[in-house]
N, C-alpha and C. Protein backbone atom coordinates (compact mmCIF):
# COMPACT_ATOMS: atom_id res chain seq x y z
N UNK A 1 76.92 -13.83 -83.84
CA UNK A 1 76.39 -12.68 -84.20
C UNK A 1 77.42 -11.90 -84.17
N UNK A 2 77.24 -11.46 -82.26
CA UNK A 2 78.35 -10.53 -81.96
C UNK A 2 79.49 -10.31 -81.81
N UNK A 3 80.20 -11.58 -81.68
CA UNK A 3 80.37 -11.65 -82.12
C UNK A 3 82.15 -11.86 -83.61
N UNK A 4 81.23 -11.93 -84.15
CA UNK A 4 81.37 -11.83 -86.05
C UNK A 4 81.57 -10.04 -86.03
N UNK A 5 80.43 -9.51 -86.07
CA UNK A 5 81.12 -8.41 -85.75
C UNK A 5 81.94 -7.51 -85.59
N UNK A 6 82.24 -8.22 -83.76
CA UNK A 6 83.49 -7.55 -83.50
C UNK A 6 84.77 -7.93 -84.09
N UNK A 7 84.57 -9.12 -84.36
CA UNK A 7 85.78 -9.74 -84.88
C UNK A 7 86.35 -9.00 -86.91
N UNK A 8 85.05 -8.99 -87.06
CA UNK A 8 85.06 -7.69 -88.27
C UNK A 8 85.88 -5.90 -88.14
N UNK A 9 85.33 -5.67 -86.98
CA UNK A 9 85.54 -4.62 -86.51
C UNK A 9 86.92 -4.32 -86.47
N UNK A 10 87.30 -5.44 -85.94
CA UNK A 10 88.88 -4.97 -85.63
C UNK A 10 89.69 -5.32 -86.92
N UNK A 11 89.22 -6.64 -87.35
CA UNK A 11 90.31 -5.81 -89.10
C UNK A 11 90.62 -5.24 -89.73
N UNK A 12 90.02 -4.40 -89.70
CA UNK A 12 90.35 -2.73 -90.62
C UNK A 12 91.21 -2.29 -89.71
N UNK A 13 91.48 -2.49 -88.54
CA UNK A 13 92.70 -1.71 -87.40
C UNK A 13 93.93 -2.34 -87.93
N UNK A 14 93.77 -3.67 -88.01
CA UNK A 14 94.72 -4.78 -87.72
C UNK A 14 95.30 -4.79 -89.34
N UNK A 15 94.58 -4.43 -89.64
CA UNK A 15 94.87 -4.22 -91.80
C UNK A 15 96.04 -2.67 -92.14
N UNK A 16 95.08 -2.04 -91.32
CA UNK A 16 95.82 -0.31 -91.30
C UNK A 16 97.15 -0.72 -91.22
N UNK A 17 97.37 -1.00 -89.42
CA UNK A 17 98.67 -1.81 -89.11
C UNK A 17 99.80 -1.73 -89.59
N UNK A 18 99.33 -3.43 -89.97
CA UNK A 18 100.35 -3.49 -90.55
C UNK A 18 101.13 -2.94 -91.85
N UNK A 19 99.96 -2.28 -93.12
CA UNK A 19 100.77 -1.01 -94.14
C UNK A 19 101.10 0.34 -93.70
N UNK A 20 101.44 0.68 -92.31
CA UNK A 20 102.07 1.51 -91.37
C UNK A 20 103.52 1.43 -91.83
N UNK A 21 104.03 2.14 -92.47
CA UNK A 21 106.12 1.76 -92.97
C UNK A 21 106.95 1.78 -91.97
N UNK A 22 108.28 1.31 -91.60
CA UNK A 22 108.54 1.04 -90.13
C UNK A 22 109.91 1.98 -90.34
N UNK A 23 109.64 3.62 -89.66
CA UNK A 23 110.57 4.27 -89.91
C UNK A 23 112.08 4.07 -88.93
N UNK A 24 112.52 4.91 -89.94
CA UNK A 24 113.51 4.72 -89.65
C UNK A 24 114.76 5.49 -88.96
N UNK A 25 115.07 5.57 -87.90
CA UNK A 25 115.62 6.59 -86.88
C UNK A 25 116.35 8.34 -87.36
N UNK A 26 116.61 7.51 -89.08
CA UNK A 26 117.67 8.64 -89.61
C UNK A 26 117.70 8.31 -91.00
N UNK A 27 116.90 9.61 -92.34
CA UNK A 27 117.08 9.07 -93.23
C UNK A 27 118.81 8.69 -93.83
N UNK A 28 119.01 7.83 -95.42
CA UNK A 28 120.33 7.95 -95.56
C UNK A 28 119.40 8.09 -97.60
N UNK A 29 121.30 8.25 -97.58
CA UNK A 29 120.96 8.38 -99.15
C UNK A 29 122.02 7.50 -100.35
N UNK A 30 121.39 6.52 -100.78
CA UNK A 30 122.02 6.24 -101.94
C UNK A 30 123.04 6.65 -102.87
N UNK A 31 124.20 6.34 -102.87
CA UNK A 31 124.94 7.03 -103.51
C UNK A 31 125.96 5.87 -104.86
N UNK A 32 126.13 5.99 -105.88
CA UNK A 32 127.03 5.89 -107.09
C UNK A 32 128.00 6.16 -108.01
N UNK A 33 128.69 5.61 -108.13
CA UNK A 33 129.58 6.47 -108.65
C UNK A 33 131.07 5.48 -109.29
N UNK A 34 131.11 5.74 -110.54
CA UNK A 34 132.32 4.60 -111.63
C UNK A 34 133.06 5.73 -111.48
N UNK A 35 135.40 5.04 -111.21
CA UNK A 35 135.35 5.18 -111.76
C UNK A 35 136.72 5.54 -113.00
N UNK A 36 136.55 5.75 -114.07
CA UNK A 36 136.76 5.89 -114.97
C UNK A 36 137.75 7.24 -115.14
N UNK A 37 138.42 6.71 -116.51
CA UNK A 37 139.55 7.70 -116.36
C UNK A 37 139.03 9.37 -116.45
N UNK A 38 139.62 10.36 -115.98
CA UNK A 38 138.62 11.32 -115.76
C UNK A 38 139.04 12.24 -116.64
N UNK A 39 137.76 12.80 -117.11
CA UNK A 39 138.46 13.89 -117.78
C UNK A 39 139.43 14.66 -118.07
N UNK A 40 140.90 15.34 -118.71
CA UNK A 40 141.51 16.47 -118.70
C UNK A 40 141.23 17.23 -117.98
N UNK A 41 141.40 17.68 -116.49
CA UNK A 41 141.36 18.98 -115.67
C UNK A 41 139.62 18.68 -114.88
N UNK A 42 139.45 17.59 -115.25
CA UNK A 42 137.55 16.95 -114.33
C UNK A 42 138.21 16.98 -112.50
N UNK A 43 137.19 17.71 -111.66
CA UNK A 43 137.64 17.42 -109.47
C UNK A 43 136.90 16.15 -109.90
N UNK A 44 137.88 15.65 -108.59
CA UNK A 44 137.12 14.01 -108.61
C UNK A 44 135.96 14.56 -108.54
N UNK A 45 135.01 13.16 -108.51
CA UNK A 45 133.30 13.25 -107.88
C UNK A 45 132.57 13.93 -108.52
N UNK A 46 133.23 14.11 -109.96
CA UNK A 46 132.28 14.64 -110.93
C UNK A 46 131.25 13.47 -111.67
N UNK A 47 131.76 11.62 -111.51
CA UNK A 47 130.90 11.35 -111.88
C UNK A 47 129.55 10.78 -110.68
N UNK A 48 129.95 11.26 -109.57
CA UNK A 48 129.48 10.57 -107.88
C UNK A 48 128.00 11.20 -108.07
N UNK A 49 126.94 9.95 -108.73
CA UNK A 49 125.69 10.56 -108.29
C UNK A 49 124.92 9.64 -107.63
N UNK A 50 123.59 10.91 -107.03
CA UNK A 50 122.67 10.43 -106.38
C UNK A 50 121.55 9.47 -106.49
N UNK A 51 121.30 8.50 -105.53
CA UNK A 51 120.10 7.93 -106.59
C UNK A 51 119.28 7.57 -105.07
N UNK A 52 118.97 7.70 -104.17
CA UNK A 52 117.68 8.09 -103.88
C UNK A 52 117.61 8.28 -101.78
N UNK A 53 117.14 8.51 -101.66
CA UNK A 53 116.60 8.40 -100.32
C UNK A 53 115.65 8.07 -99.31
N UNK A 54 116.10 7.90 -98.26
CA UNK A 54 114.88 6.72 -98.25
C UNK A 54 114.77 6.54 -96.57
N UNK A 55 113.29 6.14 -95.69
CA UNK A 55 113.76 6.69 -94.29
C UNK A 55 112.98 5.45 -93.74
N UNK A 56 112.68 4.53 -94.39
CA UNK A 56 111.67 3.14 -94.31
C UNK A 56 112.58 2.15 -94.30
N UNK A 57 112.24 1.69 -93.60
CA UNK A 57 113.00 -0.10 -93.60
C UNK A 57 112.14 -0.82 -94.99
N UNK A 58 110.98 -0.33 -95.04
CA UNK A 58 110.61 -1.07 -96.64
C UNK A 58 111.30 -1.18 -97.79
N UNK A 59 111.98 0.30 -97.92
CA UNK A 59 112.37 1.23 -98.96
C UNK A 59 113.53 0.82 -99.47
N UNK A 60 114.72 0.22 -97.66
CA UNK A 60 115.86 0.21 -97.84
C UNK A 60 115.72 -1.27 -98.36
N UNK A 61 114.68 -2.45 -98.18
CA UNK A 61 114.81 -3.85 -98.24
C UNK A 61 114.36 -3.61 -99.93
N UNK A 62 114.13 -3.16 -100.52
CA UNK A 62 112.98 -2.49 -101.70
C UNK A 62 114.48 -2.80 -102.47
N UNK A 63 115.11 -1.56 -102.16
CA UNK A 63 116.28 -1.08 -103.09
C UNK A 63 117.81 -1.79 -102.76
N UNK A 64 117.95 -2.57 -101.97
CA UNK A 64 118.86 -3.43 -101.92
C UNK A 64 118.62 -4.97 -102.40
N UNK A 65 117.54 -5.69 -102.17
CA UNK A 65 116.82 -6.44 -102.64
C UNK A 65 117.54 -6.39 -104.62
N UNK A 66 116.69 -5.42 -104.77
CA UNK A 66 116.82 -4.77 -106.85
C UNK A 66 117.64 -4.11 -107.48
N UNK A 67 118.58 -3.73 -106.31
CA UNK A 67 120.04 -2.76 -107.34
C UNK A 67 120.78 -2.92 -106.32
N UNK A 68 121.20 -3.10 -105.03
CA UNK A 68 122.78 -2.02 -103.98
C UNK A 68 123.67 -3.00 -104.34
N UNK A 69 124.12 -4.55 -104.25
CA UNK A 69 124.38 -5.52 -103.92
C UNK A 69 125.91 -4.75 -105.48
N UNK A 70 127.04 -4.95 -104.27
CA UNK A 70 127.79 -4.95 -105.01
C UNK A 70 128.79 -5.21 -105.83
N UNK A 71 128.42 -6.76 -105.80
CA UNK A 71 128.83 -7.98 -107.13
C UNK A 71 127.70 -8.02 -108.26
N UNK A 72 127.13 -6.92 -108.48
CA UNK A 72 127.03 -6.59 -109.26
C UNK A 72 127.67 -5.29 -110.24
N UNK A 73 128.36 -4.69 -109.84
CA UNK A 73 128.84 -3.15 -110.75
C UNK A 73 129.96 -4.18 -110.99
N UNK A 74 130.30 -3.32 -111.60
CA UNK A 74 131.60 -3.39 -112.39
C UNK A 74 132.59 -3.29 -112.18
N UNK A 75 133.99 -3.32 -112.26
CA UNK A 75 135.13 -2.72 -111.86
C UNK A 75 135.38 -2.27 -111.47
N UNK A 76 136.14 -1.76 -110.29
CA UNK A 76 136.06 0.40 -111.07
C UNK A 76 134.97 1.36 -109.74
N UNK A 77 133.67 0.35 -109.87
CA UNK A 77 132.30 1.57 -109.18
C UNK A 77 132.40 1.10 -107.89
N UNK A 78 131.87 2.07 -107.42
CA UNK A 78 130.86 2.69 -105.70
C UNK A 78 130.06 2.51 -105.88
N UNK A 79 129.48 1.91 -104.61
CA UNK A 79 128.17 2.15 -104.08
C UNK A 79 128.61 2.97 -102.75
N UNK A 80 127.60 4.13 -101.92
CA UNK A 80 127.72 4.68 -101.00
C UNK A 80 126.92 4.62 -100.46
N UNK A 81 126.67 4.30 -99.36
CA UNK A 81 125.08 4.89 -98.29
C UNK A 81 125.48 5.33 -97.37
N UNK A 82 125.09 7.48 -97.24
CA UNK A 82 125.82 7.74 -96.61
C UNK A 82 123.97 8.12 -95.43
N UNK A 83 125.02 9.31 -94.64
CA UNK A 83 123.59 10.06 -93.87
C UNK A 83 122.63 11.01 -94.67
N UNK A 84 121.45 11.15 -95.13
CA UNK A 84 121.34 12.01 -95.94
C UNK A 84 121.47 13.89 -95.85
N UNK A 85 122.45 13.98 -96.50
CA UNK A 85 122.51 15.71 -96.53
C UNK A 85 123.47 15.57 -96.64
N UNK A 86 125.29 14.17 -96.56
CA UNK A 86 126.42 14.27 -95.73
C UNK A 86 127.02 13.70 -97.43
N UNK A 87 127.47 13.68 -98.57
CA UNK A 87 127.86 13.89 -99.44
C UNK A 87 129.16 13.38 -99.20
N UNK A 88 129.20 12.14 -100.56
CA UNK A 88 131.35 10.80 -99.75
C UNK A 88 132.10 11.92 -100.33
N UNK A 89 132.03 12.81 -99.65
CA UNK A 89 133.55 12.78 -99.93
C UNK A 89 134.85 13.84 -98.88
N UNK A 90 135.46 14.04 -99.01
CA UNK A 90 136.11 14.34 -97.70
C UNK A 90 136.30 16.15 -98.06
N UNK A 91 135.29 16.88 -98.64
CA UNK A 91 135.48 18.41 -98.51
C UNK A 91 133.83 18.27 -98.18
N UNK A 92 133.15 17.90 -97.77
CA UNK A 92 131.65 17.33 -96.71
C UNK A 92 132.35 18.19 -95.82
N UNK A 93 131.83 18.75 -94.88
CA UNK A 93 132.27 19.51 -93.82
C UNK A 93 131.28 18.77 -92.08
N UNK A 94 130.60 17.34 -92.99
CA UNK A 94 130.01 16.52 -91.67
C UNK A 94 132.06 15.50 -91.94
N UNK A 95 133.37 15.11 -93.11
CA UNK A 95 133.82 14.52 -93.37
C UNK A 95 135.53 15.03 -93.29
N UNK A 96 135.40 15.99 -93.73
CA UNK A 96 136.76 17.06 -93.39
C UNK A 96 137.42 16.47 -92.45
N UNK A 97 136.55 16.16 -91.10
CA UNK A 97 138.13 15.93 -89.70
C UNK A 97 138.01 15.04 -89.18
N UNK A 98 137.53 14.03 -90.74
CA UNK A 98 137.38 12.12 -90.20
C UNK A 98 138.68 11.01 -91.01
N UNK A 99 138.10 10.22 -91.02
CA UNK A 99 138.81 8.94 -91.08
C UNK A 99 137.13 8.39 -92.13
N UNK A 100 138.24 6.63 -91.87
CA UNK A 100 137.95 6.01 -92.51
C UNK A 100 138.57 4.32 -92.38
N UNK A 101 137.61 3.96 -91.36
CA UNK A 101 138.30 2.10 -90.85
C UNK A 101 138.28 1.34 -92.64
N UNK A 102 138.87 0.74 -92.97
CA UNK A 102 138.86 -0.12 -94.46
C UNK A 102 139.06 -2.27 -93.92
N UNK A 103 137.98 -2.48 -94.26
CA UNK A 103 137.83 -3.78 -94.88
C UNK A 103 138.00 -4.43 -96.53
N UNK A 104 139.36 -5.60 -96.59
CA UNK A 104 139.58 -5.68 -98.25
C UNK A 104 138.93 -7.07 -98.20
N UNK A 105 138.59 -7.71 -99.64
CA UNK A 105 137.96 -8.84 -99.46
C UNK A 105 138.46 -9.27 -100.82
N UNK A 106 138.23 -10.68 -100.95
CA UNK A 106 139.11 -11.35 -102.11
C UNK A 106 137.71 -12.11 -103.10
N UNK A 107 136.84 -12.23 -102.37
CA UNK A 107 135.69 -12.74 -102.52
C UNK A 107 134.25 -11.87 -102.68
N UNK A 108 133.61 -11.90 -104.13
CA UNK A 108 132.51 -10.85 -104.42
C UNK A 108 131.13 -11.47 -103.21
N UNK A 109 131.33 -12.57 -103.08
CA UNK A 109 130.50 -12.62 -101.97
C UNK A 109 130.45 -12.14 -100.56
N UNK A 110 131.89 -12.66 -100.17
CA UNK A 110 132.21 -11.58 -98.48
C UNK A 110 131.74 -10.55 -98.82
N UNK A 111 132.06 -10.03 -100.06
CA UNK A 111 131.82 -9.00 -99.80
C UNK A 111 130.58 -8.19 -99.74
N UNK A 112 129.55 -8.62 -100.56
CA UNK A 112 128.06 -8.99 -100.92
C UNK A 112 127.26 -8.85 -99.26
N UNK A 113 128.08 -9.77 -98.61
CA UNK A 113 127.35 -9.62 -97.07
C UNK A 113 128.38 -8.80 -96.22
N UNK A 114 129.59 -8.38 -96.37
CA UNK A 114 130.29 -7.65 -95.14
C UNK A 114 128.78 -6.17 -95.50
N UNK A 115 129.18 -5.64 -97.07
CA UNK A 115 128.18 -4.91 -96.52
C UNK A 115 126.59 -4.50 -96.62
N UNK A 116 125.73 -5.91 -96.49
CA UNK A 116 124.38 -5.96 -96.21
C UNK A 116 124.56 -5.58 -94.69
N UNK A 117 125.15 -5.87 -93.93
CA UNK A 117 125.65 -6.48 -92.33
C UNK A 117 125.87 -4.99 -92.09
N UNK A 118 126.62 -4.16 -92.46
CA UNK A 118 126.97 -2.72 -92.66
C UNK A 118 125.73 -2.17 -92.63
N UNK A 119 125.23 -2.61 -93.94
CA UNK A 119 123.62 -1.39 -93.94
C UNK A 119 123.42 -1.59 -93.10
N UNK A 120 122.71 -2.85 -92.78
CA UNK A 120 121.74 -3.27 -91.29
C UNK A 120 122.39 -2.36 -89.76
N UNK A 121 123.85 -1.95 -90.15
CA UNK A 121 124.11 -1.79 -88.53
C UNK A 121 123.99 0.18 -88.90
N UNK A 122 124.05 0.30 -89.57
CA UNK A 122 124.25 1.48 -89.89
C UNK A 122 122.36 2.19 -89.50
N UNK A 123 121.57 1.33 -90.49
CA UNK A 123 119.83 2.08 -90.99
C UNK A 123 119.37 1.44 -89.06
N UNK A 124 120.24 0.06 -88.73
CA UNK A 124 119.49 -0.14 -87.29
C UNK A 124 120.32 0.50 -85.66
N UNK A 125 121.20 1.57 -86.54
CA UNK A 125 121.69 2.18 -85.31
C UNK A 125 122.37 1.85 -83.46
N UNK A 126 122.67 0.68 -84.74
CA UNK A 126 124.27 -0.35 -84.45
C UNK A 126 124.46 -0.24 -82.56
N UNK A 127 125.94 1.20 -83.73
CA UNK A 127 126.53 1.58 -83.23
C UNK A 127 126.34 2.40 -82.05
N UNK A 128 127.78 2.91 -80.88
CA UNK A 128 127.28 3.40 -80.14
C UNK A 128 127.14 4.39 -80.48
N UNK A 129 128.24 5.11 -80.75
CA UNK A 129 129.04 6.86 -81.55
C UNK A 129 128.02 6.89 -82.70
N UNK A 130 126.66 5.92 -83.20
CA UNK A 130 125.71 6.85 -84.74
C UNK A 130 126.14 7.79 -85.12
N UNK A 131 126.15 8.94 -83.44
CA UNK A 131 126.37 9.97 -84.66
C UNK A 131 127.17 10.80 -85.48
N UNK A 132 128.58 9.78 -85.41
CA UNK A 132 130.00 10.01 -85.44
C UNK A 132 130.42 9.14 -86.59
N UNK A 133 129.13 8.09 -86.86
CA UNK A 133 129.53 8.21 -88.35
C UNK A 133 128.60 8.89 -89.64
N UNK A 134 129.55 8.70 -90.92
CA UNK A 134 129.10 9.76 -91.71
C UNK A 134 128.52 8.51 -92.76
N UNK A 135 129.13 7.14 -93.15
CA UNK A 135 128.43 6.18 -94.02
C UNK A 135 129.46 5.36 -94.57
N UNK A 136 129.08 4.73 -95.27
CA UNK A 136 129.85 3.00 -95.86
C UNK A 136 130.20 3.40 -97.28
N UNK A 137 130.86 3.37 -97.83
CA UNK A 137 131.43 2.66 -99.04
C UNK A 137 132.27 1.30 -99.96
N UNK A 138 131.54 0.88 -100.77
CA UNK A 138 131.58 -0.21 -100.97
C UNK A 138 132.74 -0.43 -102.38
N UNK A 139 133.97 -0.58 -102.67
CA UNK A 139 134.15 0.02 -103.92
C UNK A 139 134.50 -1.77 -104.00
N UNK A 140 134.22 -1.78 -105.26
CA UNK A 140 135.06 -3.08 -106.53
C UNK A 140 136.14 -2.78 -107.16
N UNK A 141 137.34 -3.63 -107.27
CA UNK A 141 137.88 -3.36 -107.81
C UNK A 141 138.41 -4.63 -108.71
N UNK A 142 139.37 -4.69 -109.38
CA UNK A 142 139.98 -6.16 -109.90
C UNK A 142 140.06 -6.63 -109.48
N UNK A 143 141.53 -6.54 -108.47
CA UNK A 143 142.02 -7.80 -107.48
C UNK A 143 141.54 -7.71 -105.94
N UNK A 144 141.37 -6.39 -105.29
CA UNK A 144 140.77 -6.96 -103.64
C UNK A 144 139.61 -5.01 -103.85
N UNK A 145 138.36 -6.11 -103.26
CA UNK A 145 137.83 -5.22 -103.06
C UNK A 145 137.86 -4.42 -102.09
N UNK A 146 136.92 -3.45 -101.41
CA UNK A 146 136.99 -3.10 -99.68
C UNK A 146 135.51 -2.63 -99.30
N UNK A 147 135.55 -2.07 -98.42
CA UNK A 147 134.45 -1.60 -97.14
C UNK A 147 135.61 -0.72 -97.00
N UNK A 148 134.97 1.08 -96.26
CA UNK A 148 135.03 1.40 -96.33
C UNK A 148 134.72 1.98 -94.82
N UNK A 149 134.49 2.28 -93.45
CA UNK A 149 132.81 3.22 -92.58
C UNK A 149 134.09 4.39 -92.31
N UNK A 150 133.25 5.03 -92.80
CA UNK A 150 133.86 6.99 -92.89
C UNK A 150 132.64 7.21 -91.00
N UNK A 151 133.62 7.92 -90.89
CA UNK A 151 133.20 8.33 -89.75
C UNK A 151 133.78 10.18 -89.65
N UNK A 152 133.43 10.86 -88.31
CA UNK A 152 133.71 12.14 -88.25
C UNK A 152 134.30 13.18 -87.93
N UNK A 153 135.13 12.34 -87.09
CA UNK A 153 136.23 13.38 -85.98
C UNK A 153 137.29 11.98 -86.25
N UNK A 154 138.90 12.65 -86.40
CA UNK A 154 139.13 11.05 -87.27
C UNK A 154 140.54 11.71 -85.64
N UNK A 155 140.66 12.83 -85.08
CA UNK A 155 141.64 12.85 -83.62
C UNK A 155 141.20 12.64 -82.55
N UNK A 156 139.80 12.03 -82.62
CA UNK A 156 139.28 11.12 -81.55
C UNK A 156 139.28 9.50 -81.07
N UNK A 157 140.63 9.64 -80.63
CA UNK A 157 141.50 7.79 -80.43
C UNK A 157 139.91 6.82 -80.34
N UNK A 158 140.27 7.74 -79.36
CA UNK A 158 138.61 6.70 -78.37
C UNK A 158 137.33 6.25 -79.18
N UNK A 159 137.24 7.26 -79.16
CA UNK A 159 135.10 7.28 -80.48
C UNK A 159 135.72 5.76 -81.53
N UNK A 160 137.10 6.19 -82.11
CA UNK A 160 137.56 5.43 -83.42
C UNK A 160 137.99 4.42 -83.24
N UNK A 161 138.20 4.06 -82.07
CA UNK A 161 138.30 2.53 -81.06
C UNK A 161 137.13 1.57 -81.15
N UNK A 162 135.97 2.27 -80.65
CA UNK A 162 135.49 2.00 -79.83
C UNK A 162 133.90 1.39 -81.50
N UNK A 163 133.64 2.60 -82.23
CA UNK A 163 133.40 2.03 -84.13
C UNK A 163 133.95 1.00 -84.34
N UNK A 164 135.14 0.96 -84.09
CA UNK A 164 136.18 -0.24 -85.07
C UNK A 164 136.18 -1.22 -83.96
N UNK A 165 136.26 -1.49 -82.97
CA UNK A 165 136.18 -2.52 -82.58
C UNK A 165 134.43 -3.53 -83.09
N UNK A 166 133.31 -2.15 -82.87
CA UNK A 166 132.64 -2.76 -83.21
C UNK A 166 131.92 -3.64 -84.91
N UNK A 167 132.49 -2.51 -85.00
CA UNK A 167 131.77 -2.68 -86.43
C UNK A 167 132.65 -4.13 -87.72
N UNK A 168 134.30 -4.37 -86.81
CA UNK A 168 135.24 -5.81 -86.82
C UNK A 168 134.16 -7.32 -86.35
N UNK A 169 133.20 -6.41 -85.10
CA UNK A 169 131.90 -7.34 -84.52
C UNK A 169 131.18 -7.83 -85.50
N UNK A 170 130.43 -6.87 -85.76
CA UNK A 170 129.97 -6.75 -86.60
C UNK A 170 129.78 -8.01 -88.17
N UNK A 171 131.20 -7.45 -88.82
CA UNK A 171 131.87 -8.13 -89.71
C UNK A 171 131.97 -9.11 -89.46
N UNK A 172 132.18 -10.22 -88.01
CA UNK A 172 133.17 -11.20 -87.84
C UNK A 172 134.23 -11.55 -88.99
N UNK A 173 134.85 -10.87 -88.45
CA UNK A 173 136.88 -11.24 -89.08
C UNK A 173 137.42 -10.89 -87.98
N UNK A 174 138.71 -11.55 -88.76
CA UNK A 174 139.74 -12.16 -87.52
C UNK A 174 140.81 -10.81 -87.91
N UNK A 175 140.75 -10.61 -89.62
CA UNK A 175 142.66 -10.02 -89.82
C UNK A 175 142.24 -8.43 -89.28
N UNK A 176 143.05 -8.06 -89.16
CA UNK A 176 143.36 -6.74 -88.82
C UNK A 176 142.51 -5.94 -89.85
N UNK A 177 142.10 -4.96 -89.48
CA UNK A 177 141.33 -3.27 -89.52
C UNK A 177 142.45 -1.85 -89.56
N UNK A 178 142.29 -0.98 -90.23
CA UNK A 178 142.97 -0.01 -89.61
C UNK A 178 142.23 1.06 -89.83
N UNK A 179 142.36 2.15 -89.39
CA UNK A 179 142.13 3.53 -88.99
C UNK A 179 142.76 4.71 -91.02
N UNK A 180 142.68 5.74 -91.43
CA UNK A 180 143.00 6.45 -92.40
C UNK A 180 142.60 7.20 -91.27
N UNK A 181 143.45 8.34 -90.51
CA UNK A 181 142.60 9.90 -91.17
C UNK A 181 142.53 10.51 -92.76
N UNK A 182 142.13 11.90 -93.12
CA UNK A 182 140.99 11.74 -94.29
C UNK A 182 142.62 12.45 -95.34
N UNK A 183 143.11 13.47 -94.49
CA UNK A 183 143.47 14.92 -94.29
C UNK A 183 145.86 14.10 -94.63
N UNK A 184 145.28 13.11 -94.39
CA UNK A 184 146.47 11.95 -95.06
C UNK A 184 146.51 11.11 -95.71
N UNK A 185 145.52 10.73 -96.36
CA UNK A 185 144.79 9.69 -97.92
C UNK A 185 145.30 11.28 -98.89
N UNK A 186 144.73 12.82 -97.93
CA UNK A 186 144.46 13.31 -98.86
C UNK A 186 146.53 14.37 -99.41
N UNK A 187 147.10 14.16 -98.53
CA UNK A 187 148.59 14.49 -99.10
C UNK A 187 149.28 12.59 -99.25
N UNK A 188 149.34 12.43 -98.99
CA UNK A 188 149.86 10.66 -99.39
C UNK A 188 148.51 9.53 -99.91
N UNK A 189 148.66 8.84 -101.45
CA UNK A 189 148.11 8.12 -101.82
C UNK A 189 148.22 7.26 -100.94
N UNK A 190 148.67 6.65 -100.38
CA UNK A 190 149.14 4.94 -100.29
C UNK A 190 149.79 5.06 -98.27
N UNK A 191 148.68 6.43 -97.66
CA UNK A 191 148.55 7.36 -96.47
C UNK A 191 148.95 5.42 -95.44
N UNK A 192 149.67 5.64 -94.35
CA UNK A 192 149.46 4.19 -93.48
C UNK A 192 148.57 5.15 -92.38
N UNK A 193 147.44 3.69 -91.60
CA UNK A 193 145.91 3.73 -91.22
C UNK A 193 146.97 4.26 -89.58
N UNK A 194 146.36 5.22 -89.27
CA UNK A 194 147.31 5.98 -87.63
C UNK A 194 145.78 5.34 -86.85
N UNK A 195 145.59 4.30 -86.89
CA UNK A 195 145.00 3.57 -86.02
C UNK A 195 144.48 1.87 -86.33
N UNK A 196 144.64 1.30 -85.77
CA UNK A 196 144.27 -1.03 -85.85
C UNK A 196 143.78 -1.74 -84.99
N UNK A 197 142.50 -2.25 -85.37
CA UNK A 197 142.37 -3.13 -84.29
C UNK A 197 142.84 -4.56 -85.24
């Protein structure tokens, strides 16, 4: 009988342990934007919407499984995952001096896979320079989709190259990827990348 009592006493504690959410190192926010033709005089980003902020593994998977897969988006739509408190805009103080690594994809299934692997790397803190990363954007386009990893300090080449190498490894891509400064992109729409791997 004593064995039964000991066993039942341990069960409630084990059940409570299973129910504890798995907290992430930091909070993250999903954003959504559809880039239709803007109204005359409307500023960029007026259609950008904050969708959900989360800080547990369980919330992430619930959101990802139900909603946040780029292949489900219409053309000219963007999904963003950025650190909570950082808006996916060049003007945000965290992004203002930064830039982005960019990878392109011609297949929706490949975009979904790269998106998922990047999200897991970000929320799982797989980058040595995690504090340098602002977020990631999945852009669904008619001809070619792209993924862009935004960082804070574009001028720090050593840090950017380290992030680029790690991201390329995470994505398992062999094609060259390029890094462009937000300042360059602001001045010239088709600005050339400053760094490449």
